[in-house]
PDB file of N, CA and C in Angstrom:
ATOM      1  N   MET A   1       0.851  -1.169   0.001  1.00  0.00           N
ATOM      2  CA  MET A   1       0.000   0.000   0.000  1.00  0.00           C
ATOM      3  C   MET A   1       0.899   1.236   0.000  1.00  0.00           C
ATOM      4  N   GLY A   2       0.651   2.156  -0.935  1.00  0.00           N
ATOM      5  CA  GLY A   2       1.449   3.361  -1.051  1.00  0.00           C
ATOM      6  C   GLY A   2       0.997   4.464  -0.108  1.00  0.00           C
ATOM      7  N   VAL A   3       1.769   5.541  -0.077  1.00  0.00           N
ATOM      8  CA  VAL A   3       1.512   6.657   0.826  1.00  0.00           C
ATOM      9  C   VAL A   3       0.127   7.261   0.585  1.00  0.00           C
ATOM     10  N   ARG A   4      -0.250   7.431  -0.664  1.00  0.00           N
ATOM     11  CA  ARG A   4      -1.550   8.031  -0.966  1.00  0.00           C
ATOM     12  C   ARG A   4      -2.692   7.156  -0.467  1.00  0.00           C
ATOM     13  N   GLU A   5      -2.567   5.850  -0.661  1.00  0.00           N
ATOM     14  CA  GLU A   5      -3.611   4.927  -0.204  1.00  0.00           C
ATOM     15  C   GLU A   5      -3.700   4.921   1.319  1.00  0.00           C
ATOM     16  N   ILE A   6      -2.549   4.916   1.969  1.00  0.00           N
ATOM     17  CA  ILE A   6      -2.520   4.957   3.438  1.00  0.00           C
ATOM     18  C   ILE A   6      -3.176   6.242   3.920  1.00  0.00           C
ATOM     19  N   PHE A   7      -2.818   7.362   3.290  1.00  0.00           N
ATOM     20  CA  PHE A   7      -3.401   8.648   3.663  1.00  0.00           C
ATOM     21  C   PHE A   7      -4.916   8.611   3.505  1.00  0.00           C
ATOM     22  N   LYS A   8      -5.398   8.131   2.365  1.00  0.00           N
ATOM     23  CA  LYS A   8      -6.848   8.101   2.116  1.00  0.00           C
ATOM     24  C   LYS A   8      -7.575   7.220   3.124  1.00  0.00           C
ATOM     25  N   GLU A   9      -7.041   6.054   3.412  1.00  0.00           N
ATOM     26  CA  GLU A   9      -7.677   5.153   4.383  1.00  0.00           C
ATOM     27  C   GLU A   9      -7.678   5.766   5.781  1.00  0.00           C
ATOM     28  N   ASN A  10      -6.558   6.371   6.161  1.00  0.00           N
ATOM     29  CA  ASN A  10      -6.489   7.009   7.477  1.00  0.00           C
ATOM     30  C   ASN A  10      -7.426   8.212   7.556  1.00  0.00           C
ATOM     31  N   LEU A  11      -7.512   8.976   6.483  1.00  0.00           N
ATOM     32  CA  LEU A  11      -8.416  10.127   6.451  1.00  0.00           C
ATOM     33  C   LEU A  11      -9.859   9.667   6.660  1.00  0.00           C
ATOM     34  N   LYS A  12     -10.263   8.628   5.941  1.00  0.00           N
ATOM     35  CA  LYS A  12     -11.626   8.093   6.104  1.00  0.00           C
ATOM     36  C   LYS A  12     -11.850   7.630   7.539  1.00  0.00           C
ATOM     37  N   TYR A  13     -10.886   6.899   8.073  1.00  0.00           N
ATOM     38  CA  TYR A  13     -11.007   6.370   9.429  1.00  0.00           C
ATOM     39  C   TYR A  13     -11.167   7.493  10.451  1.00  0.00           C
ATOM     40  N   TRP A  14     -10.237   8.468  10.427  1.00  0.00           N
ATOM     41  CA  TRP A  14     -10.265   9.542  11.427  1.00  0.00           C
ATOM     42  C   TRP A  14     -11.474  10.460  11.232  1.00  0.00           C
ATOM     43  N   ARG A  15     -11.890  10.669   9.992  1.00  0.00           N
ATOM     44  CA  ARG A  15     -13.078  11.496   9.735  1.00  0.00           C
ATOM     45  C   ARG A  15     -14.316  10.824  10.308  1.00  0.00           C
ATOM     46  N   ASN A  16     -14.449   9.527  10.058  1.00  0.00           N
ATOM     47  CA  ASN A  16     -15.588   8.789  10.612  1.00  0.00           C
ATOM     48  C   ASN A  16     -15.541   8.753  12.132  1.00  0.00           C
ATOM     49  N   LYS A  17     -14.345   8.584  12.681  1.00  0.00           N
ATOM     50  CA  LYS A  17     -14.202   8.561  14.133  1.00  0.00           C
ATOM     51  C   LYS A  17     -14.611   9.903  14.747  1.00  0.00           C
ATOM     52  N   ALA A  18     -14.410  10.997  14.005  1.00  0.00           N
ATOM     53  CA  ALA A  18     -14.792  12.329  14.469  1.00  0.00           C
ATOM     54  C   ALA A  18     -16.267  12.620  14.175  1.00  0.00           C
ATOM     55  N   ASN A  19     -16.964  11.640  13.608  1.00  0.00           N
ATOM     56  CA  ASN A  19     -18.385  11.792  13.249  1.00  0.00           C
ATOM     57  C   ASN A  19     -18.622  12.966  12.301  1.00  0.00           C
ATOM     58  N   LEU A  20     -17.748  13.091  11.330  1.00  0.00           N
ATOM     59  CA  LEU A  20     -17.893  14.145  10.335  1.00  0.00           C
ATOM     60  C   LEU A  20     -18.156  13.537   8.964  1.00  0.00           C
ATOM     61  N   THR A  21     -19.047  14.152   8.204  1.00  0.00           N
ATOM     62  CA  THR A  21     -19.229  13.749   6.809  1.00  0.00           C
ATOM     63  C   THR A  21     -18.113  14.374   5.994  1.00  0.00           C
ATOM     64  N   GLN A  22     -17.979  13.928   4.765  1.00  0.00           N
ATOM     65  CA  GLN A  22     -16.992  14.539   3.876  1.00  0.00           C
ATOM     66  C   GLN A  22     -17.287  16.022   3.707  1.00  0.00           C
ATOM     67  N   GLU A  23     -18.554  16.352   3.571  1.00  0.00           N
ATOM     68  CA  GLU A  23     -18.959  17.738   3.379  1.00  0.00           C
ATOM     69  C   GLU A  23     -18.630  18.587   4.614  1.00  0.00           C
ATOM     70  N   GLN A  24     -18.918  18.047   5.789  1.00  0.00           N
ATOM     71  CA  GLN A  24     -18.648  18.789   7.024  1.00  0.00           C
ATOM     72  C   GLN A  24     -17.161  19.066   7.190  1.00  0.00           C
ATOM     73  N   LEU A  25     -16.333  18.056   6.916  1.00  0.00           N
ATOM     74  CA  LEU A  25     -14.885  18.253   7.038  1.00  0.00           C
ATOM     75  C   LEU A  25     -14.395  19.245   5.992  1.00  0.00           C
ATOM     76  N   SER A  26     -14.919  19.147   4.773  1.00  0.00           N
ATOM     77  CA  SER A  26     -14.536  20.102   3.723  1.00  0.00           C
ATOM     78  C   SER A  26     -14.814  21.524   4.165  1.00  0.00           C
ATOM     79  N   GLU A  27     -16.002  21.752   4.690  1.00  0.00           N
ATOM     80  CA  GLU A  27     -16.377  23.093   5.141  1.00  0.00           C
ATOM     81  C   GLU A  27     -15.551  23.541   6.345  1.00  0.00           C
ATOM     82  N   LYS A  28     -15.259  22.591   7.233  1.00  0.00           N
ATOM     83  CA  LYS A  28     -14.504  22.909   8.444  1.00  0.00           C
ATOM     84  C   LYS A  28     -13.092  23.400   8.124  1.00  0.00           C
ATOM     85  N   ILE A  29     -12.524  22.909   7.021  1.00  0.00           N
ATOM     86  CA  ILE A  29     -11.176  23.340   6.645  1.00  0.00           C
ATOM     87  C   ILE A  29     -11.202  24.466   5.619  1.00  0.00           C
ATOM     88  N   GLY A  30     -12.411  24.943   5.294  1.00  0.00           N
ATOM     89  CA  GLY A  30     -12.533  26.098   4.418  1.00  0.00           C
ATOM     90  C   GLY A  30     -12.483  25.797   2.935  1.00  0.00           C
ATOM     91  N   TYR A  31     -12.829  24.583   2.550  1.00  0.00           N
ATOM     92  CA  TYR A  31     -12.848  24.220   1.136  1.00  0.00           C
ATOM     93  C   TYR A  31     -14.276  23.937   0.701  1.00  0.00           C
ATOM     94  N   GLY A  32     -14.453  23.785  -0.598  1.00  0.00           N
ATOM     95  CA  GLY A  32     -15.772  23.489  -1.146  1.00  0.00           C
ATOM     96  C   GLY A  32     -16.303  22.164  -0.639  1.00  0.00           C
ATOM     97  N   ILE A  33     -17.597  21.998  -0.773  1.00  0.00           N
ATOM     98  CA  ILE A  33     -18.302  20.857  -0.199  1.00  0.00           C
ATOM     99  C   ILE A  33     -17.777  19.492  -0.651  1.00  0.00           C
ATOM    100  N   GLY A  34     -17.216  19.391  -1.838  1.00  0.00           N
ATOM    101  CA  GLY A  34     -16.759  18.096  -2.346  1.00  0.00           C
ATOM    102  C   GLY A  34     -15.273  17.842  -2.234  1.00  0.00           C
ATOM    103  N   TYR A  35     -14.552  18.709  -1.544  1.00  0.00           N
ATOM    104  CA  TYR A  35     -13.094  18.597  -1.496  1.00  0.00           C
ATOM    105  C   TYR A  35     -12.618  17.269  -0.893  1.00  0.00           C
ATOM    106  N   ILE A  36     -13.139  16.913   0.262  1.00  0.00           N
ATOM    107  CA  ILE A  36     -12.700  15.677   0.921  1.00  0.00           C
ATOM    108  C   ILE A  36     -13.114  14.459   0.096  1.00  0.00           C
ATOM    109  N   SER A  37     -14.270  14.539  -0.526  1.00  0.00           N
ATOM    110  CA  SER A  37     -14.712  13.458  -1.411  1.00  0.00           C
ATOM    111  C   SER A  37     -13.704  13.232  -2.539  1.00  0.00           C
ATOM    112  N   GLU A  38     -13.195  14.318  -3.084  1.00  0.00           N
ATOM    113  CA  GLU A  38     -12.194  14.220  -4.150  1.00  0.00           C
ATOM    114  C   GLU A  38     -10.927  13.509  -3.656  1.00  0.00           C
ATOM    115  N   ILE A  39     -10.520  13.826  -2.448  1.00  0.00           N
ATOM    116  CA  ILE A  39      -9.314  13.200  -1.891  1.00  0.00           C
ATOM    117  C   ILE A  39      -9.558  11.715  -1.629  1.00  0.00           C
ATOM    118  N   GLU A  40     -10.687  11.388  -1.009  1.00  0.00           N
ATOM    119  CA  GLU A  40     -10.956  10.011  -0.620  1.00  0.00           C
ATOM    120  C   GLU A  40     -11.286   9.097  -1.799  1.00  0.00           C
ATOM    121  N   SER A  41     -11.789   9.645  -2.891  1.00  0.00           N
ATOM    122  CA  SER A  41     -12.229   8.781  -3.986  1.00  0.00           C
ATOM    123  C   SER A  41     -11.349   8.843  -5.233  1.00  0.00           C
ATOM    124  N   ARG A  42     -10.475   9.824  -5.296  1.00  0.00           N
ATOM    125  CA  ARG A  42      -9.632   9.972  -6.488  1.00  0.00           C
ATOM    126  C   ARG A  42      -8.174  10.073  -6.080  1.00  0.00           C
ATOM    127  N   ASN A  43      -7.337  10.340  -7.047  1.00  0.00           N
ATOM    128  CA  ASN A  43      -5.907  10.461  -6.769  1.00  0.00           C
ATOM    129  C   ASN A  43      -5.486  11.875  -6.397  1.00  0.00           C
ATOM    130  N   MET A  44      -6.438  12.711  -6.024  1.00  0.00           N
ATOM    131  CA  MET A  44      -6.103  14.060  -5.601  1.00  0.00           C
ATOM    132  C   MET A  44      -5.391  14.000  -4.246  1.00  0.00           C
ATOM    133  N   PHE A  45      -4.335  14.770  -4.114  1.00  0.00           N
ATOM    134  CA  PHE A  45      -3.569  14.761  -2.872  1.00  0.00           C
ATOM    135  C   PHE A  45      -3.407  16.197  -2.391  1.00  0.00           C
ATOM    136  N   PRO A  46      -3.731  16.461  -1.119  1.00  0.00           N
ATOM    137  CA  PRO A  46      -3.700  17.844  -0.619  1.00  0.00           C
ATOM    138  C   PRO A  46      -2.283  18.382  -0.419  1.00  0.00           C
ATOM    139  N   LYS A  47      -2.196  19.703  -0.387  1.00  0.00           N
ATOM    140  CA  LYS A  47      -0.938  20.398  -0.101  1.00  0.00           C
ATOM    141  C   LYS A  47      -0.619  20.222   1.384  1.00  0.00           C
ATOM    142  N   PRO A  48       0.655  20.389   1.758  1.00  0.00           N
ATOM    143  CA  PRO A  48       1.042  20.241   3.175  1.00  0.00           C
ATOM    144  C   PRO A  48       0.225  21.100   4.135  1.00  0.00           C
ATOM    145  N   GLU A  49      -0.050  22.353   3.765  1.00  0.00           N
ATOM    146  CA  GLU A  49      -0.819  23.212   4.666  1.00  0.00           C
ATOM    147  C   GLU A  49      -2.266  22.729   4.806  1.00  0.00           C
ATOM    148  N   THR A  50      -2.773  22.078   3.767  1.00  0.00           N
ATOM    149  CA  THR A  50      -4.123  21.518   3.843  1.00  0.00           C
ATOM    150  C   THR A  50      -4.132  20.276   4.728  1.00  0.00           C
ATOM    151  N   ILE A  51      -3.067  19.493   4.665  1.00  0.00           N
ATOM    152  CA  ILE A  51      -2.939  18.321   5.535  1.00  0.00           C
ATOM    153  C   ILE A  51      -2.937  18.779   6.993  1.00  0.00           C
ATOM    154  N   ASP A  52      -2.230  19.867   7.280  1.00  0.00           N
ATOM    155  CA  ASP A  52      -2.233  20.432   8.631  1.00  0.00           C
ATOM    156  C   ASP A  52      -3.643  20.838   9.052  1.00  0.00           C
ATOM    157  N   ALA A  53      -4.369  21.472   8.143  1.00  0.00           N
ATOM    158  CA  ALA A  53      -5.738  21.911   8.456  1.00  0.00           C
ATOM    159  C   ALA A  53      -6.656  20.726   8.693  1.00  0.00           C
ATOM    160  N   ILE A  54      -6.508  19.682   7.892  1.00  0.00           N
ATOM    161  CA  ILE A  54      -7.325  18.472   8.061  1.00  0.00           C
ATOM    162  C   ILE A  54      -7.037  17.841   9.418  1.00  0.00           C
ATOM    163  N   ALA A  55      -5.760  17.674   9.733  1.00  0.00           N
ATOM    164  CA  ALA A  55      -5.378  17.071  11.019  1.00  0.00           C
ATOM    165  C   ALA A  55      -5.912  17.900  12.173  1.00  0.00           C
ATOM    166  N   ASN A  56      -5.790  19.210  12.080  1.00  0.00           N
ATOM    167  CA  ASN A  56      -6.289  20.099  13.122  1.00  0.00           C
ATOM    168  C   ASN A  56      -7.808  19.940  13.286  1.00  0.00           C
ATOM    169  N   ALA A  57      -8.519  19.874  12.186  1.00  0.00           N
ATOM    170  CA  ALA A  57      -9.976  19.725  12.232  1.00  0.00           C
ATOM    171  C   ALA A  57     -10.385  18.377  12.833  1.00  0.00           C
ATOM    172  N   LEU A  58      -9.547  17.365  12.642  1.00  0.00           N
ATOM    173  CA  LEU A  58      -9.835  16.028  13.176  1.00  0.00           C
ATOM    174  C   LEU A  58      -9.256  15.834  14.572  1.00  0.00           C
ATOM    175  N   ASN A  59      -8.535  16.850  15.052  1.00  0.00           N
ATOM    176  CA  ASN A  59      -7.914  16.803  16.378  1.00  0.00           C
ATOM    177  C   ASN A  59      -6.896  15.666  16.492  1.00  0.00           C
ATOM    178  N   ILE A  60      -6.097  15.515  15.441  1.00  0.00           N
ATOM    179  CA  ILE A  60      -5.018  14.529  15.419  1.00  0.00           C
ATOM    180  C   ILE A  60      -3.764  15.228  14.897  1.00  0.00           C
ATOM    181  N   THR A  61      -2.639  14.528  14.927  1.00  0.00           N
ATOM    182  CA  THR A  61      -1.422  15.087  14.343  1.00  0.00           C
ATOM    183  C   THR A  61      -1.381  14.753  12.857  1.00  0.00           C
ATOM    184  N   PRO A  62      -0.730  15.580  12.059  1.00  0.00           N
ATOM    185  CA  PRO A  62      -0.613  15.249  10.641  1.00  0.00           C
ATOM    186  C   PRO A  62       0.031  13.875  10.411  1.00  0.00           C
ATOM    187  N   ALA A  63       0.969  13.514  11.258  1.00  0.00           N
ATOM    188  CA  ALA A  63       1.641  12.223  11.105  1.00  0.00           C
ATOM    189  C   ALA A  63       0.673  11.047  11.188  1.00  0.00           C
ATOM    190  N   GLN A  64      -0.396  11.196  11.963  1.00  0.00           N
ATOM    191  CA  GLN A  64      -1.366  10.108  12.099  1.00  0.00           C
ATOM    192  C   GLN A  64      -2.068   9.806  10.778  1.00  0.00           C
ATOM    193  N   LEU A  65      -2.098  10.745   9.884  1.00  0.00           N
ATOM    194  CA  LEU A  65      -2.708  10.510   8.581  1.00  0.00           C
ATOM    195  C   LEU A  65      -1.808   9.685   7.661  1.00  0.00           C
ATOM    196  N   PHE A  66      -0.552   9.499   8.058  1.00  0.00           N
ATOM    197  CA  PHE A  66       0.397   8.768   7.232  1.00  0.00           C
ATOM    198  C   PHE A  66       0.894   7.472   7.869  1.00  0.00           C
ATOM    199  N   GLU A  67       0.430   7.160   9.067  1.00  0.00           N
ATOM    200  CA  GLU A  67       0.914   5.959   9.749  1.00  0.00           C
ATOM    201  C   GLU A  67       0.441   4.707   9.025  1.00  0.00           C
ATOM    202  N   GLN A  68       1.367   3.831   8.733  1.00  0.00           N
ATOM    203  CA  GLN A  68       1.059   2.584   8.025  1.00  0.00           C
ATOM    204  C   GLN A  68      -0.003   1.784   8.761  1.00  0.00           C
ATOM    205  N   HIS A  69       0.052   1.816  10.083  1.00  0.00           N
ATOM    206  CA  HIS A  69      -0.888   1.034  10.889  1.00  0.00           C
ATOM    207  C   HIS A  69      -1.847   1.963  11.614  1.00  0.00           C
ATOM    208  N   GLY A  70      -2.189   3.067  10.979  1.00  0.00           N
ATOM    209  CA  GLY A  70      -2.997   4.088  11.620  1.00  0.00           C
ATOM    210  C   GLY A  70      -4.466   3.787  11.749  1.00  0.00           C
ATOM    211  N   CYS A  71      -4.971   2.889  10.940  1.00  0.00           N
ATOM    212  CA  CYS A  71      -6.388   2.565  11.031  1.00  0.00           C
ATOM    213  C   CYS A  71      -6.587   1.079  10.771  1.00  0.00           C
ATOM    214  N   PRO A  72      -7.705   0.513  11.180  1.00  0.00           N
ATOM    215  CA  PRO A  72      -7.943  -0.923  11.027  1.00  0.00           C
ATOM    216  C   PRO A  72      -7.782  -1.441   9.604  1.00  0.00           C
ATOM    217  N   THR A  73      -8.121  -0.653   8.601  1.00  0.00           N
ATOM    218  CA  THR A  73      -7.974  -1.097   7.221  1.00  0.00           C
ATOM    219  C   THR A  73      -6.526  -1.393   6.891  1.00  0.00           C
ATOM    220  N   ASN A  74      -5.605  -0.637   7.483  1.00  0.00           N
ATOM    221  CA  ASN A  74      -4.189  -0.806   7.192  1.00  0.00           C
ATOM    222  C   ASN A  74      -3.530  -1.915   8.007  1.00  0.00           C
ATOM    223  N   THR A  75      -4.242  -2.511   8.923  1.00  0.00           N
ATOM    224  CA  THR A  75      -3.622  -3.510   9.789  1.00  0.00           C
ATOM    225  C   THR A  75      -3.421  -4.852   9.113  1.00  0.00           C
ATOM    226  N   ILE A  76      -3.972  -5.033   7.944  1.00  0.00           N
ATOM    227  CA  ILE A  76      -3.816  -6.291   7.214  1.00  0.00           C
ATOM    228  C   ILE A  76      -2.362  -6.522   6.838  1.00  0.00           C
ATOM    229  N   ASN A  77      -1.597  -5.465   6.631  1.00  0.00           N
ATOM    230  CA  ASN A  77      -0.256  -5.560   6.084  1.00  0.00           C
ATOM    231  C   ASN A  77       0.864  -5.528   7.115  1.00  0.00           C
ATOM    232  N   PHE A  78       0.624  -6.007   8.319  1.00  0.00           N
ATOM    233  CA  PHE A  78       1.701  -5.992   9.288  1.00  0.00           C
ATOM    234  C   PHE A  78       1.632  -7.225  10.173  1.00  0.00           C
ATOM    235  N   ASP A  79       2.632  -7.360  11.027  1.00  0.00           N
ATOM    236  CA  ASP A  79       2.770  -8.527  11.891  1.00  0.00           C
ATOM    237  C   ASP A  79       1.684  -8.512  12.968  1.00  0.00           C
ATOM    238  N   LYS A  80       0.750  -9.419  12.862  1.00  0.00           N
ATOM    239  CA  LYS A  80      -0.379  -9.459  13.785  1.00  0.00           C
ATOM    240  C   LYS A  80       0.037  -9.822  15.208  1.00  0.00           C
ATOM    241  N   LYS A  81       1.068 -10.648  15.363  1.00  0.00           N
ATOM    242  CA  LYS A  81       1.539 -10.998  16.705  1.00  0.00           C
ATOM    243  C   LYS A  81       2.066  -9.756  17.428  1.00  0.00           C
ATOM    244  N   THR A  82       2.802  -8.929  16.722  1.00  0.00           N
ATOM    245  CA  THR A  82       3.312  -7.697  17.308  1.00  0.00           C
ATOM    246  C   THR A  82       2.158  -6.771  17.674  1.00  0.00           C
ATOM    247  N   PHE A  83       1.176  -6.668  16.790  1.00  0.00           N
ATOM    248  CA  PHE A  83       0.009  -5.824  17.044  1.00  0.00           C
ATOM    249  C   PHE A  83      -0.733  -6.296  18.294  1.00  0.00           C
ATOM    250  N   VAL A  84      -0.981  -7.589  18.398  1.00  0.00           N
ATOM    251  CA  VAL A  84      -1.695  -8.137  19.547  1.00  0.00           C
ATOM    252  C   VAL A  84      -0.896  -7.884  20.825  1.00  0.00           C
ATOM    253  N   LYS A  85       0.424  -8.065  20.763  1.00  0.00           N
ATOM    254  CA  LYS A  85       1.254  -7.818  21.939  1.00  0.00           C
ATOM    255  C   LYS A  85       1.190  -6.353  22.357  1.00  0.00           C
ATOM    256  N   GLU A  86       1.253  -5.442  21.401  1.00  0.00           N
ATOM    257  CA  GLU A  86       1.184  -4.011  21.721  1.00  0.00           C
ATOM    258  C   GLU A  86      -0.160  -3.668  22.365  1.00  0.00           C
ATOM    259  N   ILE A  87      -1.234  -4.207  21.830  1.00  0.00           N
ATOM    260  CA  ILE A  87      -2.564  -3.956  22.391  1.00  0.00           C
ATOM    261  C   ILE A  87      -2.657  -4.564  23.790  1.00  0.00           C
ATOM    262  N   SER A  88      -2.199  -5.793  23.943  1.00  0.00           N
ATOM    263  CA  SER A  88      -2.249  -6.466  25.240  1.00  0.00           C
ATOM    264  C   SER A  88      -1.440  -5.717  26.288  1.00  0.00           C
ATOM    265  N   ASP A  89      -0.234  -5.296  25.904  1.00  0.00           N
ATOM    266  CA  ASP A  89       0.617  -4.551  26.842  1.00  0.00           C
ATOM    267  C   ASP A  89      -0.058  -3.248  27.252  1.00  0.00           C
ATOM    268  N   GLY A  90      -0.661  -2.555  26.283  1.00  0.00           N
ATOM    269  CA  GLY A  90      -1.344  -1.304  26.584  1.00  0.00           C
ATOM    270  C   GLY A  90      -2.524  -1.512  27.516  1.00  0.00           C
ATOM    271  N   LEU A  91      -3.301  -2.563  27.261  1.00  0.00           N
ATOM    272  CA  LEU A  91      -4.442  -2.864  28.119  1.00  0.00           C
ATOM    273  C   LEU A  91      -3.990  -3.249  29.523  1.00  0.00           C
ATOM    274  N   TYR A  92      -2.917  -4.028  29.601  1.00  0.00           N
ATOM    275  CA  TYR A  92      -2.381  -4.426  30.894  1.00  0.00           C
ATOM    276  C   TYR A  92      -1.980  -3.194  31.704  1.00  0.00           C
ATOM    277  N   GLU A  93      -1.267  -2.266  31.055  1.00  0.00           N
ATOM    278  CA  GLU A  93      -0.828  -1.047  31.748  1.00  0.00           C
ATOM    279  C   GLU A  93      -2.024  -0.234  32.240  1.00  0.00           C
ATOM    280  N   LYS A  94      -3.050  -0.096  31.410  1.00  0.00           N
ATOM    281  CA  LYS A  94      -4.233   0.670  31.809  1.00  0.00           C
ATOM    282  C   LYS A  94      -4.973  -0.018  32.949  1.00  0.00           C
ATOM    283  N   LEU A  95      -5.120  -1.329  32.867  1.00  0.00           N
ATOM    284  CA  LEU A  95      -5.785  -2.067  33.935  1.00  0.00           C
ATOM    285  C   LEU A  95      -4.986  -1.967  35.225  1.00  0.00           C
ATOM    286  N   ASN A  96      -3.696  -2.131  35.132  1.00  0.00           N
ATOM    287  CA  ASN A  96      -2.820  -2.037  36.295  1.00  0.00           C
ATOM    288  C   ASN A  96      -2.954  -0.667  36.952  1.00  0.00           C
ATOM    289  N   GLN A  97      -2.899   0.402  36.151  1.00  0.00           N
ATOM    290  CA  GLN A  97      -3.004   1.756  36.696  1.00  0.00           C
ATOM    291  C   GLN A  97      -4.388   1.998  37.294  1.00  0.00           C
ATOM    292  N   SER A  98      -5.422   1.486  36.655  1.00  0.00           N
ATOM    293  CA  SER A  98      -6.780   1.639  37.186  1.00  0.00           C
ATOM    294  C   SER A  98      -6.924   0.951  38.532  1.00  0.00           C
ATOM    295  N   MET A  99      -6.343  -0.223  38.659  1.00  0.00           N
ATOM    296  CA  MET A  99      -6.417  -0.943  39.929  1.00  0.00           C
ATOM    297  C   MET A  99      -5.651  -0.207  41.021  1.00  0.00           C
ATOM    298  N   ILE A 100      -4.480   0.316  40.689  1.00  0.00           N
ATOM    299  CA  ILE A 100      -3.697   1.083  41.654  1.00  0.00           C
ATOM    300  C   ILE A 100      -4.497   2.302  42.101  1.00  0.00           C
ATOM    301  N   ASN A 101      -5.072   3.030  41.151  1.00  0.00           N
ATOM    302  CA  ASN A 101      -5.878   4.208  41.484  1.00  0.00           C
ATOM    303  C   ASN A 101      -7.066   3.826  42.362  1.00  0.00           C
ATOM    304  N   TYR A 102      -7.722   2.750  42.032  1.00  0.00           N
ATOM    305  CA  TYR A 102      -8.880   2.300  42.795  1.00  0.00           C
ATOM    306  C   TYR A 102      -8.493   2.034  44.246  1.00  0.00           C
ATOM    307  N   PHE A 103      -7.414   1.273  44.456  1.00  0.00           N
ATOM    308  CA  PHE A 103      -7.019   0.923  45.820  1.00  0.00           C
ATOM    309  C   PHE A 103      -6.453   2.125  46.579  1.00  0.00           C
ATOM    310  N   GLU A 104      -5.764   3.005  45.882  1.00  0.00           N
ATOM    311  CA  GLU A 104      -5.250   4.205  46.542  1.00  0.00           C
ATOM    312  C   GLU A 104      -6.397   5.110  47.013  1.00  0.00           C
ATOM    313  N   ASN A 105      -7.450   5.181  46.250  1.00  0.00           N
ATOM    314  CA  ASN A 105      -8.588   6.019  46.605  1.00  0.00           C
ATOM    315  C   ASN A 105      -9.482   5.378  47.667  1.00  0.00           C
ATOM    316  N   ARG A 106      -9.392   4.088  47.841  1.00  0.00           N
ATOM    317  CA  ARG A 106     -10.211   3.372  48.823  1.00  0.00           C
ATOM    318  C   ARG A 106      -9.611   3.450  50.218  1.00  0.00           C
ATOM    319  N   LEU A 107      -8.317   3.705  50.302  1.00  0.00           N
ATOM    320  CA  LEU A 107      -7.649   3.713  51.606  1.00  0.00           C
ATOM    321  C   LEU A 107      -7.647   5.056  52.249  1.00  0.00           C
TER     322      LEU A 107
END
């Protein structure tokens, strides 16, 4: 998967996660109603300053729009064992911290 495809998939993912339509995101960044549609469905690629505006509107960093493993669609192309371990480790840390907080607040 190339950079443009990764960008498009991540853009769709983060836009949907922000509960924004293509039209809403287009307007939010100051472009015409079909701008995001053009990016997501064609080979149109935004300028760097537009990428910054998109990331800002989605409340993410511009780099997140280019991460190979940035959204579930892109996870097909990587080591699943590593992914599962990273998720498990993250969940373990959160559970551990939650338990510590719970017991500290109970005493």
